[in-house]
């Protein structure tokens, strides 16, 4: 696929046409209710239709039973309308929808809001496809149809479904509760006896096995045995002597070798101020005295004294994931400092960098607190820098697996570097969720195959890049803010994706949508993304 074909593909995703002299949109409050975004969503602005907004199926959660639309005629003559609401499912799930205006009439010449009520029956749970069709008549030969698609989610009300069932209990309340207490105690005693039997049996069997093994004269076998108490040391200096952080595999040996190469004395590191802080994680700004006696500005990642051994292991493993990489758009680890009875220090070069997510959030503040006002051209330029970093990573046969704004840094000249994800789970806890598998993952940044099967590839990094591009255009809003993490897989499998951000050009959103193809093979490569965004960037510079 050459450059022109790729760019034409993105451009062809969006078509706009004029329909009449009308404004029709969702107000700020309505968008906040439905999508959690702080913006208005225009379907028709000054007679121009936003086709993507019309084609997007908006989910309506069970807690919301009405939809609000705001409209106004800007024509110099009356605009006639006709509204029809169609629900696909039977009334057993959704009761007949209701309008608070007449089904036919004239579009008001002042800003007004009308509502469509979608009452659930409460008898059955289900999803109902609702289409609200508005026909706008400008003349006898000019009638424009505007279809608004919604998916109403209805929940079953337990008290309603069982309202006809009554239980008559002739026993006194006190005696009934006493009986329940004795039954519970009896069952608990039985459970304790069973557990004690199982533990005793296992202990006897295990003891016999050890004796048999120790007395056997057959071929010798190596076992992992517990360390004597005298050799157990929770200090970080012992890390180079023995793998005390549950890293007993080939990767741990490689990790120890890398740490040994980068280790420096703690006296060379000076901490000045805390930049970020979590429950057990801290990021400092400081300085490091190198071998030539020159002080270098650094960022230090470390943990507090009450951090667990697992958290320390993750800090070292994830912090060393970009070891020995050299690229202008990658923030690679500089040094490591590990000494007895102190937390490990991971040192990174510092050049007035800020965390990209925090930087973007500051751009949303009032005029007194805005650190920078981003243009579309700057957003595309930052995206191109991230693409270069990912291309370099993949050439080194490395996958990032957690590409997001929180794992990038940016300086005052908008130079971006991709960083590792060490400590991100603690510093940005709302971005990670556990789905019952005791593993915090960036659920809403993961590709569908990574979410379902924990498989990662270059294509899954491309998916995450699409979400990161969405973060850049929304100034680090939370993706899928209304979706429960446990429902994300089903949501994505049904074809739902992030909505187009307000003020995001169609060409830019087409790039995001292309990254979120269900099949990994259908997603673009980073090289294709680079070609397309570079063409778009060139177009933007022509207007400056």
Protein backbone atom coordinates (compact mmCIF):
# COMPACT_ATOMS: atom_id res chain seq x y z
CA UNK A 1 0.00 0.00 0.00
CA UNK A 2 1.69 3.23 -1.09
CA UNK A 3 1.51 6.64 0.53
CA UNK A 4 -1.31 7.99 -1.62
CA UNK A 5 -3.53 4.95 -1.14
CA UNK A 6 -3.12 5.07 2.63
CA UNK A 7 -3.94 8.76 2.79
CA UNK A 8 -6.92 8.38 0.44
CA UNK A 9 -8.19 5.56 2.67
CA UNK A 10 -8.18 7.84 5.69
CA UNK A 11 -9.76 10.72 3.81
CA UNK A 12 -12.50 8.49 2.42
CA UNK A 13 -13.54 7.53 5.94
CA UNK A 14 -15.17 10.94 6.35
CA UNK A 15 -17.65 12.70 4.12
CA UNK A 16 -19.67 15.79 4.98
CA UNK A 17 -22.50 17.34 3.12
CA UNK A 18 -24.89 20.21 3.58
CA UNK A 19 -28.46 19.46 4.54
CA UNK A 20 -30.18 22.70 5.50
CA UNK A 21 -29.95 25.68 7.76
CA UNK A 22 -29.97 24.04 11.16
CA UNK A 23 -27.96 23.47 14.34
CA UNK A 24 -28.57 20.18 16.15
CA UNK A 25 -26.29 18.97 18.92
CA UNK A 26 -25.89 17.44 22.37
CA UNK A 27 -25.27 20.01 25.08
CA UNK A 28 -22.29 19.94 27.42
CA UNK A 29 -24.35 18.39 30.23
CA UNK A 30 -25.77 15.71 27.93
CA UNK A 31 -22.33 14.71 26.62
CA UNK A 32 -21.08 14.51 30.20
CA UNK A 33 -24.02 12.25 31.12
CA UNK A 34 -23.60 9.92 28.15
CA UNK A 35 -19.88 9.94 27.35
CA UNK A 36 -18.17 11.62 30.28
CA UNK A 37 -16.62 14.30 28.05
CA UNK A 38 -16.51 18.05 28.70
CA UNK A 39 -17.65 19.25 25.29
CA UNK A 40 -20.64 19.76 23.03
CA UNK A 41 -21.27 17.22 20.29
CA UNK A 42 -22.63 18.70 17.06
CA UNK A 43 -24.55 16.49 14.64
CA UNK A 44 -25.39 19.45 12.39
CA UNK A 45 -23.54 22.78 12.61
CA UNK A 46 -24.73 25.63 10.38
CA UNK A 47 -26.24 23.09 8.00
CA UNK A 48 -23.17 20.81 7.82
CA UNK A 49 -23.69 17.19 8.93
CA UNK A 50 -21.07 15.34 10.97
CA UNK A 51 -21.53 11.88 9.44
CA UNK A 52 -19.30 10.11 11.94
CA UNK A 53 -21.33 11.40 14.87
CA UNK A 54 -24.51 10.17 13.19
CA UNK A 55 -23.05 6.74 12.42
CA UNK A 56 -21.70 6.18 15.93
CA UNK A 57 -24.02 4.05 18.09
CA UNK A 58 -24.14 5.66 21.53
CA UNK A 59 -24.70 3.24 24.44
CA UNK A 60 -27.27 4.43 26.97
CA UNK A 61 -26.67 2.88 30.42
CA UNK A 62 -29.55 1.46 32.42
CA UNK A 63 -29.41 4.31 34.95
CA UNK A 64 -30.32 6.86 32.22
CA UNK A 65 -33.86 6.74 30.85
CA UNK A 66 -33.96 9.89 28.74
CA UNK A 67 -32.02 11.53 25.91
CA UNK A 68 -31.71 15.28 25.42
CA UNK A 69 -31.24 16.98 22.04
CA UNK A 70 -30.68 20.70 21.51
CA UNK A 71 -31.59 22.39 18.23
CA UNK A 72 -32.25 25.70 16.53
CA UNK A 73 -33.27 26.81 13.04
CA UNK A 74 -30.98 29.38 11.45
CA UNK A 75 -33.00 29.60 8.22
CA UNK A 76 -34.97 32.61 7.07
CA UNK A 77 -38.05 30.42 6.57
CA UNK A 78 -39.79 27.70 8.63
CA UNK A 79 -38.11 24.28 8.72
CA UNK A 80 -40.60 21.48 9.10
CA UNK A 81 -39.64 18.34 11.01
CA UNK A 82 -41.05 14.86 11.56
CA UNK A 83 -39.67 12.60 14.33
CA UNK A 84 -40.07 8.84 14.58
CA UNK A 85 -38.62 6.62 17.34
CA UNK A 86 -38.18 2.92 16.54
CA UNK A 87 -37.15 0.25 19.07
CA UNK A 88 -36.16 -3.17 17.75
CA UNK A 89 -36.97 -5.31 20.80
CA UNK A 90 -40.31 -6.31 22.25
CA UNK A 91 -42.03 -4.30 25.00
CA UNK A 92 -40.92 -6.96 27.48
CA UNK A 93 -37.53 -5.20 27.66
CA UNK A 94 -38.30 -1.58 26.73
CA UNK A 95 -41.61 0.21 27.12
CA UNK A 96 -42.77 2.47 24.25
CA UNK A 97 -40.49 5.53 23.92
CA UNK A 98 -42.03 8.95 24.50
CA UNK A 99 -41.31 12.42 23.10
CA UNK A 100 -41.92 15.62 25.05
CA UNK A 101 -42.71 17.44 21.78
CA UNK A 102 -45.11 16.67 18.96
CA UNK A 103 -43.93 14.18 16.33
CA UNK A 104 -44.32 16.85 13.61
CA UNK A 105 -43.91 20.61 13.63
CA UNK A 106 -41.42 23.40 12.96
CA UNK A 107 -37.87 23.63 14.23
CA UNK A 108 -37.71 26.48 16.80
CA UNK A 109 -35.85 29.63 15.86
CA UNK A 110 -34.35 29.92 19.36
CA UNK A 111 -32.18 27.36 21.16
CA UNK A 112 -34.46 24.72 22.68
CA UNK A 113 -34.07 21.20 24.05
CA UNK A 114 -36.37 18.24 23.52
CA UNK A 115 -36.16 14.83 25.13
CA UNK A 116 -36.85 11.20 24.23
CA UNK A 117 -37.75 8.97 27.17
CA UNK A 118 -36.65 5.31 26.96
CA UNK A 119 -38.25 3.55 29.96
CA UNK A 120 -37.10 0.01 30.74
CA UNK A 121 -39.77 -2.46 31.78
CA UNK A 122 -37.62 -3.99 34.53
CA UNK A 123 -39.05 -7.41 33.74
CA UNK A 124 -36.19 -8.59 31.53
CA UNK A 125 -32.60 -7.50 31.05
CA UNK A 126 -31.31 -6.81 27.55
CA UNK A 127 -30.00 -4.35 24.99
CA UNK A 128 -32.44 -2.52 22.73
CA UNK A 129 -31.45 -0.93 19.42
CA UNK A 130 -33.21 2.43 19.21
CA UNK A 131 -33.26 4.62 16.09
CA UNK A 132 -34.50 8.20 16.34
CA UNK A 133 -35.18 9.49 12.83
CA UNK A 134 -35.67 13.20 12.19
CA UNK A 135 -36.76 14.33 8.72
CA UNK A 136 -36.07 18.02 7.99
CA UNK A 137 -38.09 19.52 5.12
CA UNK A 138 -36.61 22.59 3.50
CA UNK A 139 -38.71 22.45 0.33
CA UNK A 140 -40.86 19.94 -1.53
CA UNK A 141 -37.74 18.58 -3.23
CA UNK A 142 -35.33 18.88 -0.31
CA UNK A 143 -35.99 16.51 2.61
CA UNK A 144 -33.01 15.44 4.71
CA UNK A 145 -33.09 12.40 7.01
CA UNK A 146 -31.02 12.38 10.20
CA UNK A 147 -30.88 8.96 11.92
CA UNK A 148 -29.62 8.84 15.53
CA UNK A 149 -28.74 5.34 16.73
CA UNK A 150 -28.69 4.40 20.37
CA UNK A 151 -28.25 1.11 22.24
CA UNK A 152 -30.36 1.22 25.41
CA UNK A 153 -29.20 -1.12 28.15
CA UNK A 154 -31.94 -2.36 30.45
CA UNK A 155 -31.50 -4.20 33.74
CA UNK A 156 -33.87 -6.59 35.43
CA UNK A 157 -35.38 -5.38 38.68
CA UNK A 158 -35.31 -8.26 41.16
CA UNK A 159 -37.97 -6.87 43.48
CA UNK A 160 -40.33 -6.47 40.54
CA UNK A 161 -39.82 -9.96 39.11
CA UNK A 162 -40.45 -11.58 42.50
CA UNK A 163 -43.21 -9.26 43.67
CA UNK A 164 -45.86 -11.99 43.34
CA UNK A 165 -44.00 -14.47 45.57
CA UNK A 166 -44.72 -14.44 49.29
CA UNK A 167 -43.17 -16.64 52.00
CA UNK A 168 -45.18 -17.42 55.11
CA UNK A 169 -43.11 -18.42 58.14
CA UNK A 170 -45.05 -19.65 61.18
CA UNK A 171 -41.96 -20.04 63.37
CA UNK A 172 -41.13 -17.23 65.80
CA UNK A 173 -38.35 -14.95 64.53
CA UNK A 174 -36.10 -15.62 67.50
CA UNK A 175 -36.21 -19.42 67.22
CA UNK A 176 -35.62 -19.23 63.48
CA UNK A 177 -32.44 -17.14 63.90
CA UNK A 178 -31.17 -19.50 66.64
CA UNK A 179 -31.64 -22.50 64.33
CA UNK A 180 -29.70 -20.76 61.60
CA UNK A 181 -26.88 -19.98 64.06
CA UNK A 182 -26.52 -23.62 65.16
CA UNK A 183 -26.57 -24.89 61.58
CA UNK A 184 -23.80 -22.42 60.64
CA UNK A 185 -21.66 -23.48 63.61
CA UNK A 186 -22.15 -27.17 62.76
CA UNK A 187 -21.11 -26.63 59.13
CA UNK A 188 -18.07 -24.62 60.22
CA UNK A 189 -16.93 -27.44 62.54
CA UNK A 190 -17.27 -29.99 59.74
CA UNK A 191 -15.20 -27.76 57.44
CA UNK A 192 -12.46 -27.36 60.10
CA UNK A 193 -12.26 -31.14 60.58
CA UNK A 194 -11.96 -31.74 56.82
CA UNK A 195 -9.20 -29.12 56.45
CA UNK A 196 -7.29 -30.52 59.42
CA UNK A 197 -7.44 -34.03 57.92
CA UNK A 198 -6.17 -32.84 54.55
CA UNK A 199 -3.29 -30.87 56.10
CA UNK A 200 -2.28 -33.80 58.33
CA UNK A 201 -2.34 -36.24 55.42
CA UNK A 202 -0.26 -33.89 53.26
CA UNK A 203 2.28 -33.36 56.04
CA UNK A 204 2.74 -37.10 56.69
CA UNK A 205 3.01 -37.87 52.98
CA UNK A 206 5.48 -35.03 52.40
CA UNK A 207 7.61 -36.12 55.34
CA UNK A 208 7.78 -39.68 54.01
CA UNK A 209 8.74 -38.41 50.57
CA UNK A 210 11.63 -36.35 51.98
CA UNK A 211 12.92 -39.30 53.97
CA UNK A 212 12.76 -41.56 50.92
CA UNK A 213 14.58 -38.97 48.83
CA UNK A 214 17.32 -38.40 51.41
CA UNK A 215 17.93 -42.14 51.85
CA UNK A 216 17.85 -43.01 48.19
CA UNK A 217 21.11 -44.21 46.62
CA UNK A 218 19.94 -43.58 43.04
CA UNK A 219 20.98 -40.74 40.73
CA UNK A 220 21.29 -37.41 42.53
CA UNK A 221 18.57 -34.80 41.96
CA UNK A 222 18.83 -31.07 42.63
CA UNK A 223 16.01 -29.52 44.65
CA UNK A 224 15.25 -25.90 45.50
CA UNK A 225 15.56 -25.82 49.27
CA UNK A 226 14.78 -23.11 51.76
CA UNK A 227 17.67 -20.80 52.65
CA UNK A 228 19.03 -21.01 56.22
CA UNK A 229 17.80 -18.14 58.40
CA UNK A 230 21.30 -16.75 58.77
CA UNK A 231 21.62 -16.15 55.03
CA UNK A 232 18.26 -14.43 54.59
CA UNK A 233 18.83 -10.72 53.94
CA UNK A 234 16.19 -8.26 52.89
CA UNK A 235 18.75 -5.62 51.94
CA UNK A 236 19.12 -4.57 48.35
CA UNK A 237 22.86 -5.13 48.38
CA UNK A 238 22.26 -8.88 48.51
CA UNK A 239 20.49 -8.71 45.16
CA UNK A 240 23.77 -9.12 43.30
CA UNK A 241 24.71 -12.14 45.41
CA UNK A 242 21.52 -14.15 45.22
CA UNK A 243 18.09 -13.84 43.51
CA UNK A 244 16.04 -13.02 46.62
CA UNK A 245 13.24 -11.31 44.69
CA UNK A 246 11.55 -14.35 43.12
CA UNK A 247 13.58 -13.98 39.92
CA UNK A 248 14.88 -17.54 39.79
CA UNK A 249 15.04 -17.96 36.02
CA UNK A 250 17.21 -16.98 33.08
CA UNK A 251 15.75 -13.51 32.98
CA UNK A 252 16.77 -12.87 36.57
CA UNK A 253 20.37 -13.82 35.79
CA UNK A 254 20.37 -11.46 32.83
CA UNK A 255 18.79 -8.76 34.99
CA UNK A 256 21.46 -9.14 37.66
CA UNK A 257 24.19 -8.84 35.03
CA UNK A 258 22.62 -5.64 33.69
CA UNK A 259 22.31 -4.17 37.18
CA UNK A 260 25.93 -5.05 37.94
CA UNK A 261 27.03 -3.13 34.83
CA UNK A 262 25.07 0.00 35.79
CA UNK A 263 25.52 0.03 39.56
CA UNK A 264 27.05 3.17 41.09
CA UNK A 265 27.75 4.21 44.66
CA UNK A 266 24.91 5.90 46.52
CA UNK A 267 27.18 8.77 47.57
CA UNK A 268 27.24 9.94 43.93
CA UNK A 269 23.45 10.47 43.93
CA UNK A 270 21.87 13.58 45.44
CA UNK A 271 18.07 13.90 45.73
CA UNK A 272 16.60 17.40 45.61
CA UNK A 273 12.77 17.29 45.34
CA UNK A 274 9.86 14.88 44.89
CA UNK A 275 8.17 15.12 41.47
CA UNK A 276 5.60 12.30 41.76
CA UNK A 277 4.52 10.20 44.71
CA UNK A 278 2.21 7.22 45.15
CA UNK A 279 1.43 4.74 47.90
CA UNK A 280 4.86 3.13 47.74
CA UNK A 281 6.47 4.83 44.71
CA UNK A 282 8.45 8.06 44.53
CA UNK A 283 10.04 9.95 41.65
CA UNK A 284 12.71 12.52 42.56
CA UNK A 285 14.60 15.19 40.70
CA UNK A 286 18.28 15.20 41.61
CA UNK A 287 21.86 15.05 40.39
CA UNK A 288 24.51 12.39 39.76
CA UNK A 289 28.29 12.82 39.81
CA UNK A 290 29.71 10.83 36.91
CA UNK A 291 33.15 9.24 36.55
CA UNK A 292 34.64 12.53 35.34
CA UNK A 293 33.40 14.38 38.41
CA UNK A 294 30.74 16.26 36.44
CA UNK A 295 27.23 16.64 37.91
CA UNK A 296 24.38 15.49 35.66
CA UNK A 297 20.71 16.34 36.19
CA UNK A 298 18.71 13.13 36.72
CA UNK A 299 15.33 11.66 37.56
CA UNK A 300 15.34 8.97 40.27
CA UNK A 301 12.67 6.27 40.52
CA UNK A 302 12.51 4.46 43.85
CA UNK A 303 10.14 2.96 46.42
CA UNK A 304 9.35 3.64 50.05
CA UNK A 305 10.57 1.48 52.92
CA UNK A 306 7.25 -0.36 53.22
CA UNK A 307 7.29 -1.57 49.57
CA UNK A 308 7.03 -5.34 49.18
CA UNK A 309 9.64 -7.57 47.56
CA UNK A 310 7.32 -8.05 44.57
CA UNK A 311 7.06 -4.29 44.07
CA UNK A 312 10.85 -4.00 44.25
CA UNK A 313 11.22 -6.80 41.69
CA UNK A 314 8.78 -5.07 39.33
CA UNK A 315 10.64 -1.77 39.71
CA UNK A 316 13.93 -3.39 38.71
CA UNK A 317 12.53 -5.57 35.91
CA UNK A 318 10.41 -2.87 34.28
CA UNK A 319 13.04 -0.18 34.82
CA UNK A 320 15.66 -2.30 33.05
CA UNK A 321 13.37 -3.16 30.11
CA UNK A 322 14.91 -0.36 27.98
CA UNK A 323 18.46 -0.99 29.11
CA UNK A 324 21.24 0.07 26.67
CA UNK A 325 18.84 1.69 24.16
CA UNK A 326 20.07 4.86 22.48
CA UNK A 327 17.51 6.96 20.62
CA UNK A 328 16.51 10.62 20.86
CA UNK A 329 12.87 9.66 21.49
CA UNK A 330 13.50 6.98 24.12
CA UNK A 331 14.20 7.66 27.79
CA UNK A 332 16.58 4.86 28.73
CA UNK A 333 17.90 4.07 32.20
CA UNK A 334 21.25 5.71 33.02
CA UNK A 335 22.45 4.07 36.25
CA UNK A 336 21.27 1.93 39.17
CA UNK A 337 22.18 2.34 42.83
CA UNK A 338 21.59 -0.59 45.17
CA UNK A 339 22.97 -0.57 48.71
CA UNK A 340 22.21 -2.44 51.93
CA UNK A 341 19.12 -1.44 53.92
CA UNK A 342 18.07 1.21 51.40
CA UNK A 343 15.59 1.28 48.54
CA UNK A 344 17.03 0.78 45.02
CA UNK A 345 17.50 3.92 42.92
CA UNK A 346 16.88 3.90 39.16
CA UNK A 347 18.57 6.90 37.53
CA UNK A 348 17.37 8.51 34.27
CA UNK A 349 18.77 11.54 32.42
CA UNK A 350 16.76 14.75 32.99
CA UNK A 351 16.30 17.66 30.61
CA UNK A 352 13.37 19.66 32.01
CA UNK A 353 11.04 16.78 31.28
CA UNK A 354 7.46 16.46 32.52
CA UNK A 355 5.26 13.40 32.50
CA UNK A 356 3.22 13.64 29.28
CA UNK A 357 -0.11 12.75 30.92
CA UNK A 358 0.32 15.39 33.62
CA UNK A 359 1.48 17.94 31.03
CA UNK A 360 -1.64 17.32 28.91
CA UNK A 361 -3.92 17.63 31.94
CA UNK A 362 -2.37 20.99 32.80
CA UNK A 363 -3.27 22.20 29.31
CA UNK A 364 -6.95 21.91 30.30
CA UNK A 365 -6.71 24.36 33.21
CA UNK A 366 -7.83 27.96 33.28
CA UNK A 367 -5.85 30.70 31.58
CA UNK A 368 -3.82 31.29 34.76
CA UNK A 369 -2.65 27.68 34.90
CA UNK A 370 -2.30 26.63 31.27
CA UNK A 371 1.25 25.48 30.63
CA UNK A 372 0.81 25.28 26.86
CA UNK A 373 -1.97 25.53 24.29
CA UNK A 374 -1.58 22.64 21.86
CA UNK A 375 -2.33 22.98 18.17
CA UNK A 376 -3.23 20.11 15.86
CA UNK A 377 0.15 20.52 14.20
CA UNK A 378 1.94 20.06 17.54
CA UNK A 379 -0.17 17.01 18.40
CA UNK A 380 0.73 15.36 15.08
CA UNK A 381 4.41 16.23 15.57
CA UNK A 382 4.42 14.57 19.02
CA UNK A 383 2.69 11.51 17.55
CA UNK A 384 5.39 11.27 14.87
CA UNK A 385 8.10 11.35 17.55
CA UNK A 386 6.41 8.49 19.41
CA UNK A 387 6.21 6.51 16.17
CA UNK A 388 9.97 6.90 15.66
CA UNK A 389 10.59 5.59 19.17
CA UNK A 390 8.34 2.58 18.60
CA UNK A 391 10.00 1.80 15.28
CA UNK A 392 13.37 1.75 17.03
CA UNK A 393 12.03 -0.47 19.83
CA UNK A 394 10.61 -2.99 17.35
CA UNK A 395 13.86 -3.05 15.36
CA UNK A 396 15.50 -4.12 18.62
CA UNK A 397 12.84 -6.88 18.87
CA UNK A 398 11.31 -5.27 21.95
CA UNK A 399 7.60 -4.73 22.64
CA UNK A 400 6.48 -1.95 24.94
CA UNK A 401 3.15 -3.54 26.06
CA UNK A 402 2.12 -0.41 28.00
CA UNK A 403 2.33 2.51 25.57
CA UNK A 404 0.37 5.44 27.03
CA UNK A 405 0.77 9.13 27.86
CA UNK A 406 1.69 8.26 31.46
CA UNK A 407 4.73 6.36 30.16
CA UNK A 408 6.09 9.22 28.06
CA UNK A 409 7.86 12.46 28.96
CA UNK A 410 7.88 15.82 27.19
CA UNK A 411 10.05 18.93 27.55
CA UNK A 412 9.22 22.60 27.11
CA UNK A 413 9.99 22.38 23.38
CA UNK A 414 7.51 19.49 22.98
CA UNK A 415 10.21 16.91 22.42
CA UNK A 416 8.74 13.57 23.45
CA UNK A 417 10.47 10.46 24.75
CA UNK A 418 8.91 7.05 25.36
CA UNK A 419 9.79 5.65 28.79
CA UNK A 420 9.33 2.34 30.62
CA UNK A 421 6.32 1.67 32.84
CA UNK A 422 8.20 1.25 36.13
CA UNK A 423 6.03 2.47 39.08
CA UNK A 424 3.15 3.51 36.76
CA UNK A 425 0.69 1.16 38.47
CA UNK A 426 1.16 3.03 41.74
CA UNK A 427 1.57 6.55 40.35
CA UNK A 428 -1.50 6.28 38.06
CA UNK A 429 -3.74 3.70 39.80
CA UNK A 430 -6.92 4.72 37.94
CA UNK A 431 -5.31 3.59 34.64
CA UNK A 432 -4.84 -0.01 35.82
CA UNK A 433 -7.39 -2.64 36.79
CA UNK A 434 -7.37 -6.21 38.05
CA UNK A 435 -9.88 -8.59 36.48
CA UNK A 436 -9.73 -11.15 39.25
CA UNK A 437 -6.37 -12.59 38.14
CA UNK A 438 -4.30 -10.68 40.73
CA UNK A 439 -2.58 -8.69 37.98
CA UNK A 440 -3.03 -4.95 37.46
CA UNK A 441 -3.14 -4.25 33.74
CA UNK A 442 -3.86 -1.17 31.59
CA UNK A 443 -7.19 -2.66 30.52
CA UNK A 444 -8.43 0.31 28.50
CA UNK A 445 -5.21 0.66 26.51
CA UNK A 446 -4.89 -3.04 25.59
CA UNK A 447 -5.68 -4.57 22.22
CA UNK A 448 -8.54 -7.07 22.17
CA UNK A 449 -6.18 -10.06 21.88
CA UNK A 450 -4.01 -8.80 24.74
CA UNK A 451 -7.09 -8.34 26.88
CA UNK A 452 -8.53 -11.78 26.14
CA UNK A 453 -5.44 -13.97 25.74
CA UNK A 454 -2.56 -11.83 27.14
CA UNK A 455 -0.80 -12.05 23.78
CA UNK A 456 1.31 -9.09 22.67
CA UNK A 457 2.79 -8.15 19.32
CA UNK A 458 3.79 -5.16 17.21
CA UNK A 459 0.10 -4.87 16.28
CA UNK A 460 -0.97 -4.67 19.94
CA UNK A 461 1.48 -1.78 20.40
CA UNK A 462 -0.20 -0.14 17.39
CA UNK A 463 -3.59 -0.43 19.13
CA UNK A 464 -2.16 1.24 22.26
CA UNK A 465 -0.67 3.98 20.08
CA UNK A 466 -4.19 4.71 18.80
CA UNK A 467 -5.39 5.21 22.39
CA UNK A 468 -2.34 7.39 23.10
CA UNK A 469 -3.17 9.53 20.06
CA UNK A 470 -6.70 9.88 21.47
CA UNK A 471 -5.15 11.01 24.77
CA UNK A 472 -3.14 13.67 22.93
CA UNK A 473 -6.24 15.09 21.25
CA UNK A 474 -8.40 15.02 24.41
CA UNK A 475 -5.66 16.37 26.72
CA UNK A 476 -5.37 13.10 28.65
CA UNK A 477 -9.01 12.30 29.30
CA UNK A 478 -9.72 8.81 30.63
CA UNK A 479 -10.62 6.45 27.75
CA UNK A 480 -13.89 4.48 28.03
CA UNK A 481 -14.69 6.31 31.25
CA UNK A 482 -18.26 4.91 31.37
CA UNK A 483 -17.26 1.30 30.70
CA UNK A 484 -16.68 -1.12 33.55
CA UNK A 485 -13.25 -2.82 33.17
CA UNK A 486 -14.92 -6.24 33.38
CA UNK A 487 -17.09 -5.32 30.38
CA UNK A 488 -14.31 -3.97 28.17
CA UNK A 489 -13.71 -7.22 26.26
CA UNK A 490 -17.41 -7.63 25.38
CA UNK A 491 -17.63 -3.92 24.52
CA UNK A 492 -14.73 -4.16 22.06
CA UNK A 493 -15.92 -7.47 20.58
CA UNK A 494 -19.26 -5.81 19.79
CA UNK A 495 -17.38 -3.27 17.69
CA UNK A 496 -17.57 -0.26 19.99
CA UNK A 497 -14.61 2.11 20.06
CA UNK A 498 -13.65 5.52 21.45
CA UNK A 499 -15.64 8.42 20.04
CA UNK A 500 -14.11 11.16 17.93
CA UNK A 501 -12.87 13.94 20.23
CA UNK A 502 -14.30 17.41 19.82
CA UNK A 503 -12.15 19.57 17.53
CA UNK A 504 -10.24 16.50 16.32
CA UNK A 505 -9.82 16.58 12.52
CA UNK A 506 -11.45 13.72 10.65
CA UNK A 507 -8.13 12.72 9.10
CA UNK A 508 -6.54 12.36 12.54
CA UNK A 509 -9.41 10.36 13.98
CA UNK A 510 -9.32 8.05 10.95
CA UNK A 511 -5.76 7.17 11.96
CA UNK A 512 -6.94 6.21 15.45
CA UNK A 513 -9.83 4.13 14.13
CA UNK A 514 -7.47 2.31 11.76
CA UNK A 515 -5.32 1.30 14.78
CA UNK A 516 -8.32 -0.33 16.47
CA UNK A 517 -9.15 -2.92 13.81
CA UNK A 518 -10.42 -6.13 15.41
CA UNK A 519 -7.94 -8.28 13.48
CA UNK A 520 -4.27 -7.61 14.22
CA UNK A 521 -3.42 -8.21 10.54
CA UNK A 522 -5.72 -5.37 9.46
CA UNK A 523 -4.00 -2.77 11.61
CA UNK A 524 -1.37 -0.53 9.99
CA UNK A 525 2.33 -0.80 10.72
CA UNK A 526 4.13 2.07 12.40
CA UNK A 527 5.77 2.81 9.05
CA UNK A 528 2.36 3.21 7.40
CA UNK A 529 1.19 5.41 10.27
CA UNK A 530 4.30 7.52 9.90
CA UNK A 531 3.69 8.04 6.17
CA UNK A 532 0.07 9.02 6.71
CA UNK A 533 0.69 11.38 9.64
CA UNK A 534 3.67 12.93 7.88
CA UNK A 535 1.46 13.72 4.87
CA UNK A 536 -1.17 15.22 7.20
CA UNK A 537 1.51 17.24 9.01
CA UNK A 538 2.75 18.61 5.68
CA UNK A 539 -0.79 19.69 4.80
CA UNK A 540 -1.15 21.47 8.15
CA UNK A 541 2.09 23.42 7.67
CA UNK A 542 0.79 24.85 4.40
CA UNK A 543 -1.85 26.82 6.32
CA UNK A 544 0.59 28.30 8.82
